[in-house]
N, C-alpha and C. Protein backbone atom coordinates (compact mmCIF):
# COMPACT_ATOMS: atom_id res chain seq x y z
N MET A 1 10.98 -11.56 -16.38
CA MET A 1 10.01 -10.92 -17.24
C MET A 1 10.72 -10.06 -18.28
N ARG A 2 10.23 -10.05 -19.46
CA ARG A 2 10.88 -9.31 -20.53
C ARG A 2 10.52 -7.83 -20.54
N ASN A 3 9.45 -7.45 -19.84
CA ASN A 3 9.06 -6.04 -19.85
C ASN A 3 9.70 -5.24 -18.71
N GLU A 4 10.66 -5.83 -18.02
CA GLU A 4 11.32 -5.15 -16.92
C GLU A 4 12.14 -3.97 -17.43
N ARG A 5 11.99 -2.82 -16.76
CA ARG A 5 12.75 -1.62 -17.10
C ARG A 5 13.92 -1.51 -16.14
N LYS A 6 15.02 -1.02 -16.63
CA LYS A 6 16.19 -0.85 -15.78
C LYS A 6 16.58 0.62 -15.67
N GLU A 7 15.69 1.50 -16.09
CA GLU A 7 15.96 2.93 -16.03
C GLU A 7 15.38 3.48 -14.74
N TYR A 8 16.22 4.10 -13.93
CA TYR A 8 15.73 4.83 -12.77
C TYR A 8 16.72 5.93 -12.44
N ILE A 9 16.20 6.95 -11.77
CA ILE A 9 17.04 8.12 -11.50
C ILE A 9 17.00 8.48 -10.02
N THR A 10 17.93 9.32 -9.63
CA THR A 10 18.00 9.81 -8.26
C THR A 10 17.19 11.09 -8.14
N ARG A 11 17.06 11.56 -6.92
CA ARG A 11 16.38 12.83 -6.66
C ARG A 11 17.08 13.97 -7.39
N ALA A 12 18.40 14.00 -7.34
CA ALA A 12 19.16 15.08 -8.00
C ALA A 12 18.91 15.07 -9.50
N GLU A 13 18.85 13.90 -10.10
CA GLU A 13 18.59 13.81 -11.55
C GLU A 13 17.17 14.26 -11.87
N MET A 14 16.22 13.91 -11.00
CA MET A 14 14.84 14.36 -11.19
C MET A 14 14.78 15.88 -11.17
N LEU A 15 15.51 16.50 -10.24
CA LEU A 15 15.51 17.95 -10.16
C LEU A 15 16.12 18.59 -11.40
N ARG A 16 17.15 17.95 -11.97
CA ARG A 16 17.73 18.45 -13.23
C ARG A 16 16.69 18.45 -14.34
N ILE A 17 15.91 17.38 -14.41
CA ILE A 17 14.85 17.29 -15.42
C ILE A 17 13.79 18.36 -15.16
N ALA A 18 13.35 18.47 -13.92
CA ALA A 18 12.29 19.43 -13.58
C ALA A 18 12.72 20.86 -13.91
N ARG A 19 13.98 21.19 -13.68
CA ARG A 19 14.46 22.55 -13.97
C ARG A 19 14.45 22.86 -15.48
N LYS A 20 14.50 21.82 -16.30
CA LYS A 20 14.46 22.02 -17.76
C LYS A 20 13.02 22.18 -18.26
N CYS A 21 12.07 21.92 -17.40
CA CYS A 21 10.66 21.95 -17.79
C CYS A 21 10.13 23.38 -17.72
N THR A 22 9.55 23.85 -18.81
CA THR A 22 9.03 25.21 -18.86
C THR A 22 7.57 25.31 -18.40
N ASN A 23 6.85 24.21 -18.40
CA ASN A 23 5.46 24.19 -17.94
C ASN A 23 5.45 23.86 -16.44
N TRP A 24 4.94 24.78 -15.63
CA TRP A 24 4.97 24.60 -14.17
C TRP A 24 4.14 23.40 -13.72
N HIS A 25 3.05 23.10 -14.42
CA HIS A 25 2.24 21.93 -14.06
C HIS A 25 3.00 20.64 -14.35
N ALA A 26 3.72 20.62 -15.47
CA ALA A 26 4.53 19.44 -15.81
C ALA A 26 5.68 19.30 -14.81
N ARG A 27 6.24 20.41 -14.39
CA ARG A 27 7.31 20.38 -13.38
C ARG A 27 6.77 19.77 -12.08
N ALA A 28 5.57 20.16 -11.71
CA ALA A 28 4.94 19.60 -10.51
C ALA A 28 4.70 18.10 -10.69
N LEU A 29 4.24 17.73 -11.86
CA LEU A 29 3.99 16.31 -12.16
C LEU A 29 5.27 15.49 -12.01
N ILE A 30 6.39 15.99 -12.51
CA ILE A 30 7.67 15.29 -12.42
C ILE A 30 8.04 15.06 -10.96
N ARG A 31 7.91 16.10 -10.15
CA ARG A 31 8.26 15.98 -8.73
C ARG A 31 7.32 15.01 -8.01
N LEU A 32 6.02 15.13 -8.29
CA LEU A 32 5.06 14.23 -7.65
C LEU A 32 5.31 12.77 -8.06
N ALA A 33 5.65 12.56 -9.31
CA ALA A 33 5.87 11.19 -9.79
C ALA A 33 7.03 10.54 -9.04
N LEU A 34 8.11 11.26 -8.82
CA LEU A 34 9.26 10.66 -8.11
C LEU A 34 9.01 10.57 -6.61
N TYR A 35 8.44 11.61 -6.03
CA TYR A 35 8.26 11.63 -4.58
C TYR A 35 7.07 10.81 -4.09
N SER A 36 6.23 10.33 -5.00
CA SER A 36 5.06 9.56 -4.55
C SER A 36 4.95 8.18 -5.19
N GLY A 37 5.53 8.01 -6.38
CA GLY A 37 5.37 6.75 -7.09
C GLY A 37 4.02 6.61 -7.77
N MET A 38 3.25 7.70 -7.83
CA MET A 38 1.94 7.62 -8.47
C MET A 38 2.08 7.51 -9.98
N ARG A 39 1.10 6.85 -10.58
CA ARG A 39 1.01 6.75 -12.04
C ARG A 39 0.53 8.09 -12.59
N LEU A 40 0.77 8.31 -13.88
CA LEU A 40 0.33 9.54 -14.53
C LEU A 40 -1.17 9.75 -14.33
N GLY A 41 -1.96 8.74 -14.58
CA GLY A 41 -3.41 8.87 -14.43
C GLY A 41 -3.83 9.21 -13.01
N GLU A 42 -3.09 8.69 -12.03
CA GLU A 42 -3.41 8.98 -10.63
C GLU A 42 -3.12 10.44 -10.31
N ILE A 43 -2.00 10.95 -10.80
CA ILE A 43 -1.66 12.36 -10.57
C ILE A 43 -2.68 13.26 -11.27
N MET A 44 -3.02 12.89 -12.50
CA MET A 44 -3.97 13.70 -13.26
C MET A 44 -5.37 13.70 -12.64
N SER A 45 -5.69 12.68 -11.84
CA SER A 45 -7.03 12.60 -11.24
C SER A 45 -7.17 13.45 -9.98
N ILE A 46 -6.05 13.93 -9.43
CA ILE A 46 -6.10 14.71 -8.19
C ILE A 46 -6.81 16.04 -8.47
N GLY A 47 -7.83 16.30 -7.65
CA GLY A 47 -8.63 17.51 -7.84
C GLY A 47 -9.87 17.24 -8.66
N HIS A 48 -9.94 16.05 -9.23
CA HIS A 48 -11.12 15.65 -10.00
C HIS A 48 -11.81 14.54 -9.22
N THR A 49 -11.45 13.28 -9.47
CA THR A 49 -12.03 12.17 -8.72
C THR A 49 -11.24 11.89 -7.44
N SER A 50 -9.95 12.13 -7.47
CA SER A 50 -9.10 11.91 -6.29
C SER A 50 -8.86 13.25 -5.61
N LYS A 51 -8.40 13.18 -4.35
CA LYS A 51 -8.22 14.45 -3.64
C LYS A 51 -7.02 14.42 -2.70
N ILE A 52 -6.60 15.61 -2.33
CA ILE A 52 -5.53 15.77 -1.35
C ILE A 52 -6.17 15.62 0.03
N VAL A 53 -5.55 14.79 0.85
CA VAL A 53 -6.00 14.59 2.23
C VAL A 53 -4.79 14.80 3.14
N GLU A 54 -5.02 14.77 4.42
CA GLU A 54 -3.92 14.97 5.36
C GLU A 54 -2.84 13.90 5.15
N GLY A 55 -1.63 14.35 4.87
CA GLY A 55 -0.50 13.45 4.71
C GLY A 55 -0.35 12.80 3.35
N GLY A 56 -1.26 13.12 2.41
CA GLY A 56 -1.12 12.49 1.10
C GLY A 56 -2.32 12.68 0.20
N PHE A 57 -2.62 11.64 -0.53
CA PHE A 57 -3.68 11.70 -1.53
C PHE A 57 -4.60 10.49 -1.38
N HIS A 58 -5.90 10.73 -1.50
CA HIS A 58 -6.86 9.64 -1.57
C HIS A 58 -7.16 9.42 -3.05
N LEU A 59 -6.62 8.33 -3.59
CA LEU A 59 -6.77 8.03 -5.02
C LEU A 59 -7.98 7.12 -5.21
N VAL A 60 -8.84 7.51 -6.12
CA VAL A 60 -10.09 6.79 -6.36
C VAL A 60 -9.99 5.99 -7.64
N ASP A 61 -10.44 4.74 -7.58
CA ASP A 61 -10.55 3.89 -8.76
C ASP A 61 -9.23 3.84 -9.55
N THR A 62 -8.18 3.33 -8.91
CA THR A 62 -6.87 3.25 -9.53
C THR A 62 -6.82 2.13 -10.56
N LYS A 63 -5.66 1.92 -11.14
CA LYS A 63 -5.48 0.88 -12.16
C LYS A 63 -5.93 -0.50 -11.65
N ASN A 64 -5.74 -0.73 -10.35
CA ASN A 64 -6.12 -2.02 -9.75
C ASN A 64 -7.58 -2.04 -9.31
N ASP A 65 -8.35 -1.04 -9.72
CA ASP A 65 -9.78 -0.92 -9.39
C ASP A 65 -10.04 -0.72 -7.91
N ASP A 66 -9.04 -0.28 -7.17
CA ASP A 66 -9.19 -0.03 -5.74
C ASP A 66 -8.87 1.42 -5.44
N ASP A 67 -9.49 1.93 -4.39
CA ASP A 67 -9.06 3.21 -3.86
C ASP A 67 -7.81 2.94 -3.04
N ARG A 68 -6.92 3.94 -2.95
CA ARG A 68 -5.75 3.76 -2.12
C ARG A 68 -5.24 5.10 -1.63
N PHE A 69 -4.41 5.05 -0.61
CA PHE A 69 -3.76 6.23 -0.08
C PHE A 69 -2.34 6.29 -0.62
N ALA A 70 -1.94 7.44 -1.14
CA ALA A 70 -0.57 7.66 -1.58
C ALA A 70 0.02 8.72 -0.67
N PRO A 71 1.08 8.39 0.07
CA PRO A 71 1.66 9.37 0.99
C PRO A 71 2.33 10.52 0.25
N LEU A 72 2.34 11.68 0.88
CA LEU A 72 2.93 12.88 0.30
C LEU A 72 4.26 13.18 0.99
N HIS A 73 5.33 13.17 0.22
CA HIS A 73 6.66 13.53 0.73
C HIS A 73 6.65 15.04 1.01
N PRO A 74 7.22 15.46 2.13
CA PRO A 74 7.22 16.90 2.44
C PRO A 74 7.85 17.77 1.34
N LYS A 75 8.83 17.25 0.62
CA LYS A 75 9.47 18.03 -0.44
C LYS A 75 8.57 18.20 -1.65
N ALA A 76 7.50 17.44 -1.73
CA ALA A 76 6.57 17.57 -2.85
C ALA A 76 5.33 18.38 -2.48
N ALA A 77 5.17 18.67 -1.21
CA ALA A 77 3.97 19.39 -0.76
C ALA A 77 3.83 20.75 -1.44
N VAL A 78 4.94 21.39 -1.73
CA VAL A 78 4.92 22.72 -2.33
C VAL A 78 4.28 22.72 -3.72
N VAL A 79 4.34 21.60 -4.44
CA VAL A 79 3.80 21.58 -5.80
C VAL A 79 2.30 21.31 -5.83
N CYS A 80 1.70 21.03 -4.67
CA CYS A 80 0.25 20.78 -4.65
C CYS A 80 -0.56 22.00 -5.08
N LYS A 81 0.05 23.17 -5.02
CA LYS A 81 -0.66 24.38 -5.48
C LYS A 81 -0.90 24.36 -6.98
N PHE A 82 -0.21 23.47 -7.71
CA PHE A 82 -0.40 23.35 -9.15
C PHE A 82 -1.43 22.27 -9.51
N LEU A 83 -2.13 21.76 -8.50
CA LEU A 83 -3.15 20.74 -8.72
C LEU A 83 -4.53 21.36 -8.60
N PRO A 84 -5.49 20.95 -9.37
CA PRO A 84 -5.42 19.92 -10.41
C PRO A 84 -4.68 20.44 -11.64
N ILE A 85 -4.16 19.51 -12.39
CA ILE A 85 -3.44 19.84 -13.62
C ILE A 85 -4.48 20.07 -14.72
N PRO A 86 -4.49 21.27 -15.32
CA PRO A 86 -5.54 21.61 -16.28
C PRO A 86 -5.29 21.13 -17.72
N TRP A 87 -4.19 20.46 -17.96
CA TRP A 87 -3.82 20.04 -19.30
C TRP A 87 -4.12 18.56 -19.50
N SER A 88 -4.08 18.09 -20.73
CA SER A 88 -4.32 16.67 -21.04
C SER A 88 -3.09 15.83 -20.70
N LYS A 89 -3.31 14.53 -20.56
CA LYS A 89 -2.19 13.60 -20.32
C LYS A 89 -1.16 13.69 -21.45
N ILE A 90 -1.65 13.75 -22.68
CA ILE A 90 -0.75 13.79 -23.83
C ILE A 90 0.12 15.05 -23.79
N TRP A 91 -0.48 16.19 -23.44
CA TRP A 91 0.29 17.43 -23.36
C TRP A 91 1.33 17.35 -22.25
N MET A 92 0.94 16.79 -21.11
CA MET A 92 1.88 16.65 -19.99
C MET A 92 3.03 15.72 -20.36
N GLN A 93 2.71 14.62 -21.03
CA GLN A 93 3.78 13.70 -21.47
C GLN A 93 4.73 14.40 -22.43
N ARG A 94 4.20 15.22 -23.31
CA ARG A 94 5.04 15.94 -24.27
C ARG A 94 5.97 16.92 -23.54
N CYS A 95 5.44 17.66 -22.59
CA CYS A 95 6.25 18.61 -21.81
C CYS A 95 7.35 17.89 -21.04
N VAL A 96 7.01 16.77 -20.42
CA VAL A 96 7.99 16.00 -19.64
C VAL A 96 9.05 15.41 -20.58
N ARG A 97 8.63 14.89 -21.72
CA ARG A 97 9.57 14.33 -22.69
C ARG A 97 10.60 15.39 -23.12
N GLU A 98 10.12 16.59 -23.43
CA GLU A 98 11.03 17.67 -23.83
C GLU A 98 12.03 17.99 -22.72
N ALA A 99 11.56 18.02 -21.49
CA ALA A 99 12.45 18.31 -20.35
C ALA A 99 13.47 17.19 -20.17
N MET A 100 13.04 15.95 -20.30
CA MET A 100 13.96 14.81 -20.17
C MET A 100 15.03 14.86 -21.25
N ASP A 101 14.62 15.13 -22.47
CA ASP A 101 15.57 15.23 -23.58
C ASP A 101 16.56 16.37 -23.33
N ALA A 102 16.05 17.51 -22.89
CA ALA A 102 16.91 18.68 -22.64
C ALA A 102 17.91 18.42 -21.52
N ALA A 103 17.52 17.56 -20.57
CA ALA A 103 18.41 17.23 -19.45
C ALA A 103 19.34 16.06 -19.78
N GLY A 104 19.20 15.49 -20.98
CA GLY A 104 20.08 14.40 -21.40
C GLY A 104 19.59 13.01 -21.06
N PHE A 105 18.32 12.87 -20.69
CA PHE A 105 17.76 11.57 -20.34
C PHE A 105 16.85 11.09 -21.48
N THR A 106 17.46 10.80 -22.61
CA THR A 106 16.69 10.46 -23.81
C THR A 106 16.04 9.09 -23.75
N LYS A 107 16.55 8.18 -22.91
CA LYS A 107 15.97 6.84 -22.81
C LYS A 107 14.94 6.72 -21.69
N LEU A 108 14.86 7.72 -20.84
CA LEU A 108 13.96 7.70 -19.70
C LEU A 108 12.53 8.00 -20.16
N ARG A 109 11.57 7.33 -19.53
CA ARG A 109 10.15 7.60 -19.78
C ARG A 109 9.53 8.14 -18.50
N LEU A 110 8.41 8.80 -18.63
CA LEU A 110 7.71 9.33 -17.47
C LEU A 110 7.42 8.22 -16.46
N HIS A 111 6.99 7.07 -16.93
CA HIS A 111 6.66 5.97 -16.02
C HIS A 111 7.90 5.47 -15.26
N ASP A 112 9.09 5.72 -15.80
CA ASP A 112 10.31 5.31 -15.10
C ASP A 112 10.51 6.07 -13.80
N LEU A 113 9.83 7.20 -13.62
CA LEU A 113 9.90 7.90 -12.34
C LEU A 113 9.24 7.06 -11.25
N ARG A 114 8.25 6.29 -11.62
CA ARG A 114 7.61 5.36 -10.68
C ARG A 114 8.61 4.27 -10.27
N HIS A 115 9.35 3.77 -11.24
CA HIS A 115 10.41 2.79 -10.95
C HIS A 115 11.48 3.44 -10.06
N SER A 116 11.74 4.70 -10.30
CA SER A 116 12.74 5.42 -9.51
C SER A 116 12.31 5.54 -8.06
N THR A 117 11.02 5.77 -7.84
CA THR A 117 10.50 5.82 -6.46
C THR A 117 10.79 4.50 -5.77
N ALA A 118 10.42 3.40 -6.42
CA ALA A 118 10.64 2.07 -5.82
C ALA A 118 12.11 1.83 -5.56
N SER A 119 12.95 2.12 -6.53
CA SER A 119 14.39 1.88 -6.38
C SER A 119 14.99 2.74 -5.28
N ASN A 120 14.60 4.01 -5.22
CA ASN A 120 15.12 4.88 -4.17
C ASN A 120 14.66 4.41 -2.79
N LEU A 121 13.43 3.95 -2.68
CA LEU A 121 12.95 3.43 -1.40
C LEU A 121 13.70 2.17 -0.98
N ILE A 122 13.87 1.23 -1.89
CA ILE A 122 14.59 -0.02 -1.60
C ILE A 122 16.03 0.28 -1.19
N ASN A 123 16.68 1.17 -1.92
CA ASN A 123 18.08 1.50 -1.62
C ASN A 123 18.22 2.31 -0.33
N ALA A 124 17.13 2.91 0.13
CA ALA A 124 17.15 3.62 1.41
C ALA A 124 16.80 2.69 2.57
N GLY A 125 16.53 1.41 2.26
CA GLY A 125 16.28 0.44 3.32
C GLY A 125 14.83 0.05 3.54
N ALA A 126 13.91 0.57 2.74
CA ALA A 126 12.50 0.16 2.88
C ALA A 126 12.34 -1.29 2.43
N ASP A 127 11.43 -2.00 3.05
CA ASP A 127 11.21 -3.40 2.67
C ASP A 127 10.23 -3.49 1.49
N PHE A 128 10.22 -4.64 0.83
CA PHE A 128 9.37 -4.85 -0.35
C PHE A 128 7.89 -4.63 -0.04
N TYR A 129 7.45 -5.07 1.12
CA TYR A 129 6.03 -4.93 1.48
C TYR A 129 5.64 -3.45 1.50
N THR A 130 6.48 -2.63 2.13
CA THR A 130 6.21 -1.20 2.23
C THR A 130 6.25 -0.53 0.85
N VAL A 131 7.26 -0.86 0.06
CA VAL A 131 7.37 -0.29 -1.29
C VAL A 131 6.14 -0.67 -2.12
N GLY A 132 5.73 -1.91 -2.03
CA GLY A 132 4.54 -2.36 -2.75
C GLY A 132 3.29 -1.59 -2.33
N ALA A 133 3.18 -1.33 -1.03
CA ALA A 133 2.03 -0.57 -0.52
C ALA A 133 2.06 0.87 -1.02
N VAL A 134 3.23 1.49 -1.03
CA VAL A 134 3.35 2.87 -1.53
C VAL A 134 2.92 2.94 -3.00
N LEU A 135 3.34 1.95 -3.79
CA LEU A 135 3.03 1.95 -5.23
C LEU A 135 1.64 1.41 -5.55
N GLY A 136 0.99 0.80 -4.57
CA GLY A 136 -0.34 0.25 -4.80
C GLY A 136 -0.34 -1.08 -5.51
N HIS A 137 0.75 -1.85 -5.34
CA HIS A 137 0.84 -3.17 -5.97
C HIS A 137 0.06 -4.21 -5.17
N LYS A 138 -0.61 -5.10 -5.87
CA LYS A 138 -1.28 -6.23 -5.23
C LYS A 138 -0.37 -7.45 -5.17
N ASP A 139 0.65 -7.48 -6.01
CA ASP A 139 1.51 -8.65 -6.15
C ASP A 139 2.96 -8.24 -5.94
N ALA A 140 3.68 -8.99 -5.10
CA ALA A 140 5.09 -8.68 -4.81
C ALA A 140 5.97 -8.79 -6.06
N ARG A 141 5.54 -9.58 -7.05
CA ARG A 141 6.34 -9.68 -8.28
C ARG A 141 6.41 -8.34 -9.01
N SER A 142 5.34 -7.56 -8.93
CA SER A 142 5.36 -6.23 -9.55
C SER A 142 6.37 -5.35 -8.83
N THR A 143 6.36 -5.40 -7.52
CA THR A 143 7.30 -4.59 -6.74
C THR A 143 8.73 -4.98 -7.07
N LYS A 144 8.99 -6.26 -7.20
CA LYS A 144 10.34 -6.73 -7.53
C LYS A 144 10.77 -6.18 -8.89
N ARG A 145 9.84 -6.16 -9.86
CA ARG A 145 10.14 -5.66 -11.20
C ARG A 145 10.46 -4.16 -11.17
N TYR A 146 9.88 -3.45 -10.23
CA TYR A 146 10.06 -2.00 -10.14
C TYR A 146 11.28 -1.59 -9.34
N SER A 147 11.77 -2.45 -8.47
CA SER A 147 12.81 -2.09 -7.52
C SER A 147 14.17 -2.59 -7.98
N HIS A 148 15.12 -1.68 -8.08
CA HIS A 148 16.46 -2.01 -8.55
C HIS A 148 17.48 -1.64 -7.47
N LEU A 149 18.27 -2.61 -7.06
CA LEU A 149 19.27 -2.37 -6.04
C LEU A 149 20.52 -1.73 -6.64
N ALA A 150 20.96 -0.66 -6.02
CA ALA A 150 22.19 0.00 -6.45
C ALA A 150 23.39 -0.82 -5.99
N LYS A 151 24.50 -0.70 -6.68
CA LYS A 151 25.72 -1.43 -6.31
C LYS A 151 26.13 -1.11 -4.88
N GLN A 152 25.99 0.14 -4.48
CA GLN A 152 26.37 0.52 -3.11
C GLN A 152 25.50 -0.20 -2.08
N THR A 153 24.20 -0.39 -2.38
CA THR A 153 23.32 -1.12 -1.47
C THR A 153 23.77 -2.57 -1.36
N LEU A 154 24.15 -3.17 -2.48
CA LEU A 154 24.65 -4.54 -2.45
C LEU A 154 25.97 -4.63 -1.68
N ASN A 155 26.86 -3.65 -1.89
CA ASN A 155 28.12 -3.63 -1.15
C ASN A 155 27.88 -3.49 0.35
N ASN A 156 26.95 -2.63 0.73
CA ASN A 156 26.63 -2.46 2.16
C ASN A 156 26.05 -3.73 2.75
N ALA A 157 25.25 -4.46 1.96
CA ALA A 157 24.66 -5.70 2.45
C ALA A 157 25.73 -6.75 2.72
N ILE A 158 26.68 -6.90 1.83
CA ILE A 158 27.70 -7.93 2.00
C ILE A 158 28.60 -7.62 3.19
N LEU A 159 28.74 -6.34 3.53
CA LEU A 159 29.56 -5.95 4.67
C LEU A 159 28.92 -6.30 6.02
N LYS A 160 27.64 -6.67 5.97
CA LYS A 160 26.93 -7.05 7.20
C LYS A 160 27.34 -8.44 7.69
N ILE A 161 28.03 -9.20 6.85
CA ILE A 161 28.50 -10.53 7.26
C ILE A 161 29.63 -10.32 8.27
N ARG A 162 29.53 -10.94 9.42
CA ARG A 162 30.55 -10.78 10.47
C ARG A 162 31.26 -12.08 10.71
C-alpha cells in the first residue's frame, strides 16, 4: 500500500515530545495516544460520548461504526484527570505539532503515535490479533500497515533457529 507510514517512536521519545508541550491537555493527549493507540477523535470523545470504565475506556461510535473497549496502560492513568479535553481537535493538533517540532520530530504526525503503539506492541511480542484488537481494526491488513518490526526484533527472531 502506498499510504503506509514508517514513522514511529519509542516511549522515551514520546516523553521527550510531551515534556515540550506547554498545554497540559495536549500533553495528556500525547501520552494517551501512545499508551492506548486511540485515534484523536476517540480521545476527544472521552467524557462526552465515550467514558472511562474500569481498566480502560468505552469508546462509542468509533471510525468503524462500532463501540469498543480501549485498555488503559497504568502509566497513562494519571493523565485521565485532564479528561475531557475542553479544546478543539484543531487546537490540540496545533499544540502537539509545536511540541513535536520543538523536540525535533518534524516529520512525525499525531496519528503516528497510533502506529507507534502498534509497533511497540509487536516488538514487545504481542501477536497481530491482539494488536488489531487494541487498535480496533476489523482487518488484519490494517494492523500489518500499522506495525513495524524493529531490527532488534528481527535479530532476536533469527536467533530462535536451533
